Amino acid sequence: MESSNDQLVLTPKEAMKILRCSRSVLYAGLKNGSIPSIHLGPRKIVIPRKKLMVLLEGANDGAHPQE
């Protein structure tokens, strides 16, 4: 069995924990495309872990360094 860090995809609930956001914020991001997702059917959505991590790492690009 894979550990949670080895999973290729995340459930919306797991992504909410990583992003520390509400369900409504997560689903708004999924709907507008700002959070990458794969739709596996009409009611099944998964978030590719690697793409989400790249998105988060890029979030600090251009940010002011912390003092």
PDB file of N, CA and C in Angstrom:
ATOM      1  N   MET A   1       0.835  -1.178   0.000  1.00  0.00           N
ATOM      2  CA  MET A   1       0.000   0.000   0.000  1.00  0.00           C
ATOM      3  C   MET A   1       0.883   1.246   0.000  1.00  0.00           C
ATOM      4  N   GLU A   2       0.476   2.265  -0.758  1.00  0.00           N
ATOM      5  CA  GLU A   2       1.263   3.483  -0.854  1.00  0.00           C
ATOM      6  C   GLU A   2       1.024   4.378   0.351  1.00  0.00           C
ATOM      7  N   SER A   3       2.073   5.066   0.780  1.00  0.00           N
ATOM      8  CA  SER A   3       1.883   6.044   1.840  1.00  0.00           C
ATOM      9  C   SER A   3       1.197   7.266   1.245  1.00  0.00           C
ATOM     10  N   SER A   4       0.671   8.129   2.090  1.00  0.00           N
ATOM     11  CA  SER A   4      -0.085   9.281   1.597  1.00  0.00           C
ATOM     12  C   SER A   4       0.773  10.205   0.732  1.00  0.00           C
ATOM     13  N   ASN A   5       2.082  10.243   0.953  1.00  0.00           N
ATOM     14  CA  ASN A   5       2.951  11.100   0.143  1.00  0.00           C
ATOM     15  C   ASN A   5       3.276  10.488  -1.216  1.00  0.00           C
ATOM     16  N   ASP A   6       2.983   9.194  -1.397  1.00  0.00           N
ATOM     17  CA  ASP A   6       3.274   8.528  -2.661  1.00  0.00           C
ATOM     18  C   ASP A   6       2.060   8.473  -3.584  1.00  0.00           C
ATOM     19  N   GLN A   7       0.894   8.899  -3.114  1.00  0.00           N
ATOM     20  CA  GLN A   7      -0.310   8.848  -3.922  1.00  0.00           C
ATOM     21  C   GLN A   7      -0.178   9.790  -5.105  1.00  0.00           C
ATOM     22  N   LEU A   8      -0.620   9.333  -6.260  1.00  0.00           N
ATOM     23  CA  LEU A   8      -0.567  10.165  -7.455  1.00  0.00           C
ATOM     24  C   LEU A   8      -1.669  11.214  -7.470  1.00  0.00           C
ATOM     25  N   VAL A   9      -2.803  10.886  -6.865  1.00  0.00           N
ATOM     26  CA  VAL A   9      -3.925  11.817  -6.843  1.00  0.00           C
ATOM     27  C   VAL A   9      -4.454  11.981  -5.425  1.00  0.00           C
ATOM     28  N   LEU A  10      -5.114  13.104  -5.202  1.00  0.00           N
ATOM     29  CA  LEU A  10      -5.715  13.408  -3.913  1.00  0.00           C
ATOM     30  C   LEU A  10      -7.222  13.492  -4.067  1.00  0.00           C
ATOM     31  N   THR A  11      -7.927  13.167  -3.016  1.00  0.00           N
ATOM     32  CA  THR A  11      -9.359  13.413  -2.995  1.00  0.00           C
ATOM     33  C   THR A  11      -9.563  14.906  -2.698  1.00  0.00           C
ATOM     34  N   PRO A  12     -10.735  15.436  -2.998  1.00  0.00           N
ATOM     35  CA  PRO A  12     -10.991  16.835  -2.626  1.00  0.00           C
ATOM     36  C   PRO A  12     -10.776  17.086  -1.132  1.00  0.00           C
ATOM     37  N   LYS A  13     -11.154  16.148  -0.293  1.00  0.00           N
ATOM     38  CA  LYS A  13     -10.979  16.312   1.156  1.00  0.00           C
ATOM     39  C   LYS A  13      -9.495  16.418   1.517  1.00  0.00           C
ATOM     40  N   GLU A  14      -8.654  15.595   0.894  1.00  0.00           N
ATOM     41  CA  GLU A  14      -7.207  15.655   1.155  1.00  0.00           C
ATOM     42  C   GLU A  14      -6.628  16.973   0.656  1.00  0.00           C
ATOM     43  N   ALA A  15      -7.092  17.433  -0.499  1.00  0.00           N
ATOM     44  CA  ALA A  15      -6.611  18.704  -1.049  1.00  0.00           C
ATOM     45  C   ALA A  15      -7.017  19.867  -0.140  1.00  0.00           C
ATOM     46  N   MET A  16      -8.218  19.805   0.428  1.00  0.00           N
ATOM     47  CA  MET A  16      -8.668  20.850   1.348  1.00  0.00           C
ATOM     48  C   MET A  16      -7.742  20.944   2.555  1.00  0.00           C
ATOM     49  N   LYS A  17      -7.274  19.806   3.050  1.00  0.00           N
ATOM     50  CA  LYS A  17      -6.363  19.809   4.202  1.00  0.00           C
ATOM     51  C   LYS A  17      -5.024  20.441   3.824  1.00  0.00           C
ATOM     52  N   ILE A  18      -4.504  20.092   2.643  1.00  0.00           N
ATOM     53  CA  ILE A  18      -3.222  20.638   2.203  1.00  0.00           C
ATOM     54  C   ILE A  18      -3.331  22.144   1.980  1.00  0.00           C
ATOM     55  N   LEU A  19      -4.411  22.564   1.336  1.00  0.00           N
ATOM     56  CA  LEU A  19      -4.605  23.980   1.018  1.00  0.00           C
ATOM     57  C   LEU A  19      -5.139  24.791   2.187  1.00  0.00           C
ATOM     58  N   ARG A  20      -5.639  24.076   3.207  1.00  0.00           N
ATOM     59  CA  ARG A  20      -6.239  24.730   4.378  1.00  0.00           C
ATOM     60  C   ARG A  20      -7.329  25.695   3.941  1.00  0.00           C
ATOM     61  N   CYS A  21      -8.240  25.166   3.120  1.00  0.00           N
ATOM     62  CA  CYS A  21      -9.346  25.977   2.628  1.00  0.00           C
ATOM     63  C   CYS A  21     -10.663  25.249   2.846  1.00  0.00           C
ATOM     64  N   SER A  22     -11.753  25.976   2.679  1.00  0.00           N
ATOM     65  CA  SER A  22     -13.081  25.390   2.854  1.00  0.00           C
ATOM     66  C   SER A  22     -13.475  24.597   1.607  1.00  0.00           C
ATOM     67  N   ARG A  23     -14.515  23.827   1.769  1.00  0.00           N
ATOM     68  CA  ARG A  23     -15.046  23.026   0.656  1.00  0.00           C
ATOM     69  C   ARG A  23     -15.490  23.937  -0.489  1.00  0.00           C
ATOM     70  N   SER A  24     -16.164  25.029  -0.165  1.00  0.00           N
ATOM     71  CA  SER A  24     -16.665  25.926  -1.215  1.00  0.00           C
ATOM     72  C   SER A  24     -15.526  26.592  -1.981  1.00  0.00           C
ATOM     73  N   VAL A  25     -14.455  26.957  -1.288  1.00  0.00           N
ATOM     74  CA  VAL A  25     -13.294  27.557  -1.958  1.00  0.00           C
ATOM     75  C   VAL A  25     -12.624  26.532  -2.875  1.00  0.00           C
ATOM     76  N   LEU A  26     -12.479  25.310  -2.390  1.00  0.00           N
ATOM     77  CA  LEU A  26     -11.864  24.265  -3.203  1.00  0.00           C
ATOM     78  C   LEU A  26     -12.673  24.024  -4.475  1.00  0.00           C
ATOM     79  N   TYR A  27     -13.985  23.841  -4.330  1.00  0.00           N
ATOM     80  CA  TYR A  27     -14.803  23.539  -5.503  1.00  0.00           C
ATOM     81  C   TYR A  27     -14.897  24.725  -6.458  1.00  0.00           C
ATOM     82  N   ALA A  28     -14.811  25.949  -5.950  1.00  0.00           N
ATOM     83  CA  ALA A  28     -14.758  27.122  -6.832  1.00  0.00           C
ATOM     84  C   ALA A  28     -13.469  27.089  -7.653  1.00  0.00           C
ATOM     85  N   GLY A  29     -12.353  26.746  -7.012  1.00  0.00           N
ATOM     86  CA  GLY A  29     -11.075  26.630  -7.721  1.00  0.00           C
ATOM     87  C   GLY A  29     -11.073  25.509  -8.741  1.00  0.00           C
ATOM     88  N   LEU A  30     -11.736  24.402  -8.421  1.00  0.00           N
ATOM     89  CA  LEU A  30     -11.845  23.298  -9.370  1.00  0.00           C
ATOM     90  C   LEU A  30     -12.690  23.723 -10.573  1.00  0.00           C
ATOM     91  N   LYS A  31     -13.765  24.449 -10.293  1.00  0.00           N
ATOM     92  CA  LYS A  31     -14.674  24.872 -11.364  1.00  0.00           C
ATOM     93  C   LYS A  31     -14.022  25.886 -12.300  1.00  0.00           C
ATOM     94  N   ASN A  32     -13.273  26.855 -11.726  1.00  0.00           N
ATOM     95  CA  ASN A  32     -12.672  27.888 -12.583  1.00  0.00           C
ATOM     96  C   ASN A  32     -11.307  27.485 -13.140  1.00  0.00           C
ATOM     97  N   GLY A  33     -10.814  26.319 -12.754  1.00  0.00           N
ATOM     98  CA  GLY A  33      -9.566  25.809 -13.316  1.00  0.00           C
ATOM     99  C   GLY A  33      -8.310  26.234 -12.595  1.00  0.00           C
ATOM    100  N   SER A  34      -8.437  27.010 -11.524  1.00  0.00           N
ATOM    101  CA  SER A  34      -7.230  27.434 -10.811  1.00  0.00           C
ATOM    102  C   SER A  34      -6.617  26.309  -9.984  1.00  0.00           C
ATOM    103  N   ILE A  35      -7.401  25.280  -9.701  1.00  0.00           N
ATOM    104  CA  ILE A  35      -6.901  24.068  -9.049  1.00  0.00           C
ATOM    105  C   ILE A  35      -7.027  22.941 -10.067  1.00  0.00           C
ATOM    106  N   PRO A  36      -5.918  22.295 -10.420  1.00  0.00           N
ATOM    107  CA  PRO A  36      -5.973  21.235 -11.436  1.00  0.00           C
ATOM    108  C   PRO A  36      -6.784  20.041 -10.951  1.00  0.00           C
ATOM    109  N   SER A  37      -7.522  19.438 -11.869  1.00  0.00           N
ATOM    110  CA  SER A  37      -8.341  18.287 -11.482  1.00  0.00           C
ATOM    111  C   SER A  37      -8.557  17.353 -12.658  1.00  0.00           C
ATOM    112  N   ILE A  38      -8.950  16.142 -12.314  1.00  0.00           N
ATOM    113  CA  ILE A  38      -9.315  15.126 -13.308  1.00  0.00           C
ATOM    114  C   ILE A  38     -10.703  14.633 -12.920  1.00  0.00           C
ATOM    115  N   HIS A  39     -11.627  14.698 -13.868  1.00  0.00           N
ATOM    116  CA  HIS A  39     -12.990  14.221 -13.634  1.00  0.00           C
ATOM    117  C   HIS A  39     -13.070  12.779 -14.125  1.00  0.00           C
ATOM    118  N   LEU A  40     -13.362  11.871 -13.215  1.00  0.00           N
ATOM    119  CA  LEU A  40     -13.428  10.447 -13.542  1.00  0.00           C
ATOM    120  C   LEU A  40     -14.858   9.976 -13.743  1.00  0.00           C
ATOM    121  N   GLY A  41     -15.755  10.878 -13.776  1.00  0.00           N
ATOM    122  CA  GLY A  41     -17.174  10.578 -13.947  1.00  0.00           C
ATOM    123  C   GLY A  41     -17.961  11.799 -13.530  1.00  0.00           C
ATOM    124  N   PRO A  42     -19.270  11.696 -13.553  1.00  0.00           N
ATOM    125  CA  PRO A  42     -20.072  12.870 -13.216  1.00  0.00           C
ATOM    126  C   PRO A  42     -19.926  13.328 -11.761  1.00  0.00           C
ATOM    127  N   ARG A  43     -19.508  12.436 -10.873  1.00  0.00           N
ATOM    128  CA  ARG A  43     -19.423  12.802  -9.458  1.00  0.00           C
ATOM    129  C   ARG A  43     -18.066  12.503  -8.819  1.00  0.00           C
ATOM    130  N   LYS A  44     -17.096  12.073  -9.601  1.00  0.00           N
ATOM    131  CA  LYS A  44     -15.794  11.701  -9.040  1.00  0.00           C
ATOM    132  C   LYS A  44     -14.720  12.641  -9.582  1.00  0.00           C
ATOM    133  N   ILE A  45     -14.094  13.380  -8.675  1.00  0.00           N
ATOM    134  CA  ILE A  45     -13.026  14.315  -9.030  1.00  0.00           C
ATOM    135  C   ILE A  45     -11.801  13.964  -8.204  1.00  0.00           C
ATOM    136  N   VAL A  46     -10.637  13.949  -8.841  1.00  0.00           N
ATOM    137  CA  VAL A  46      -9.375  13.787  -8.129  1.00  0.00           C
ATOM    138  C   VAL A  46      -8.445  14.922  -8.533  1.00  0.00           C
ATOM    139  N   ILE A  47      -7.505  15.225  -7.662  1.00  0.00           N
ATOM    140  CA  ILE A  47      -6.552  16.306  -7.888  1.00  0.00           C
ATOM    141  C   ILE A  47      -5.166  15.686  -8.003  1.00  0.00           C
ATOM    142  N   PRO A  48      -4.487  15.893  -9.143  1.00  0.00           N
ATOM    143  CA  PRO A  48      -3.134  15.345  -9.280  1.00  0.00           C
ATOM    144  C   PRO A  48      -2.182  15.994  -8.258  1.00  0.00           C
ATOM    145  N   ARG A  49      -1.596  15.165  -7.401  1.00  0.00           N
ATOM    146  CA  ARG A  49      -0.728  15.672  -6.333  1.00  0.00           C
ATOM    147  C   ARG A  49       0.430  16.511  -6.883  1.00  0.00           C
ATOM    148  N   LYS A  50       1.106  16.019  -7.897  1.00  0.00           N
ATOM    149  CA  LYS A  50       2.288  16.705  -8.420  1.00  0.00           C
ATOM    150  C   LYS A  50       1.930  18.094  -8.965  1.00  0.00           C
ATOM    151  N   LYS A  51       0.828  18.183  -9.709  1.00  0.00           N
ATOM    152  CA  LYS A  51       0.412  19.481 -10.258  1.00  0.00           C
ATOM    153  C   LYS A  51       0.022  20.452  -9.152  1.00  0.00           C
ATOM    154  N   LEU A  52      -0.626  19.948  -8.107  1.00  0.00           N
ATOM    155  CA  LEU A  52      -0.998  20.812  -6.989  1.00  0.00           C
ATOM    156  C   LEU A  52       0.253  21.322  -6.276  1.00  0.00           C
ATOM    157  N   MET A  53       1.236  20.453  -6.076  1.00  0.00           N
ATOM    158  CA  MET A  53       2.470  20.872  -5.404  1.00  0.00           C
ATOM    159  C   MET A  53       3.231  21.906  -6.242  1.00  0.00           C
ATOM    160  N   VAL A  54       3.257  21.713  -7.563  1.00  0.00           N
ATOM    161  CA  VAL A  54       3.907  22.691  -8.448  1.00  0.00           C
ATOM    162  C   VAL A  54       3.185  24.036  -8.350  1.00  0.00           C
ATOM    163  N   LEU A  55       1.868  23.993  -8.316  1.00  0.00           N
ATOM    164  CA  LEU A  55       1.074  25.208  -8.173  1.00  0.00           C
ATOM    165  C   LEU A  55       1.407  25.928  -6.874  1.00  0.00           C
ATOM    166  N   LEU A  56       1.511  25.177  -5.792  1.00  0.00           N
ATOM    167  CA  LEU A  56       1.825  25.777  -4.495  1.00  0.00           C
ATOM    168  C   LEU A  56       3.242  26.329  -4.455  1.00  0.00           C
ATOM    169  N   GLU A  57       4.188  25.617  -5.048  1.00  0.00           N
ATOM    170  CA  GLU A  57       5.571  26.098  -5.072  1.00  0.00           C
ATOM    171  C   GLU A  57       5.678  27.379  -5.884  1.00  0.00           C
ATOM    172  N   GLY A  58       4.890  27.494  -6.940  1.00  0.00           N
ATOM    173  CA  GLY A  58       4.899  28.690  -7.773  1.00  0.00           C
ATOM    174  C   GLY A  58       4.161  29.855  -7.153  1.00  0.00           C
ATOM    175  N   ALA A  59       3.384  29.609  -6.109  1.00  0.00           N
ATOM    176  CA  ALA A  59       2.610  30.667  -5.468  1.00  0.00           C
ATOM    177  C   ALA A  59       3.508  31.713  -4.842  1.00  0.00           C
ATOM    178  N   ASN A  60       4.726  31.348  -4.485  1.00  0.00           N
ATOM    179  CA  ASN A  60       5.648  32.298  -3.851  1.00  0.00           C
ATOM    180  C   ASN A  60       6.533  33.021  -4.857  1.00  0.00           C
ATOM    181  N   ASP A  61       6.453  32.661  -6.129  1.00  0.00           N
ATOM    182  CA  ASP A  61       7.256  33.348  -7.136  1.00  0.00           C
ATOM    183  C   ASP A  61       6.860  34.822  -7.179  1.00  0.00           C
ATOM    184  N   GLY A  62       7.829  35.675  -7.041  1.00  0.00           N
ATOM    185  CA  GLY A  62       7.567  37.099  -7.084  1.00  0.00           C
ATOM    186  C   GLY A  62       7.099  37.680  -5.759  1.00  0.00           C
ATOM    187  N   ALA A  63       6.957  36.834  -4.770  1.00  0.00           N
ATOM    188  CA  ALA A  63       6.523  37.321  -3.457  1.00  0.00           C
ATOM    189  C   ALA A  63       7.699  37.978  -2.754  1.00  0.00           C
ATOM    190  N   HIS A  64       7.395  38.832  -1.839  1.00  0.00           N
ATOM    191  CA  HIS A  64       8.454  39.482  -1.065  1.00  0.00           C
ATOM    192  C   HIS A  64       9.060  38.478  -0.095  1.00  0.00           C
ATOM    193  N   PRO A  65      10.369  38.447   0.006  1.00  0.00           N
ATOM    194  CA  PRO A  65      10.988  37.519   0.958  1.00  0.00           C
ATOM    195  C   PRO A  65      10.606  37.897   2.389  1.00  0.00           C
ATOM    196  N   GLN A  66      10.488  36.897   3.217  1.00  0.00           N
ATOM    197  CA  GLN A  66      10.133  37.155   4.605  1.00  0.00           C
ATOM    198  C   GLN A  66      11.336  37.690   5.351  1.00  0.00           C
ATOM    199  N   GLU A  67      11.098  38.660   6.201  1.00  0.00           N
ATOM    200  CA  GLU A  67      12.196  39.276   6.934  1.00  0.00           C
ATOM    201  C   GLU A  67      12.251  38.765   8.348  1.00  0.00           C
TER     202      GLU A  67
END
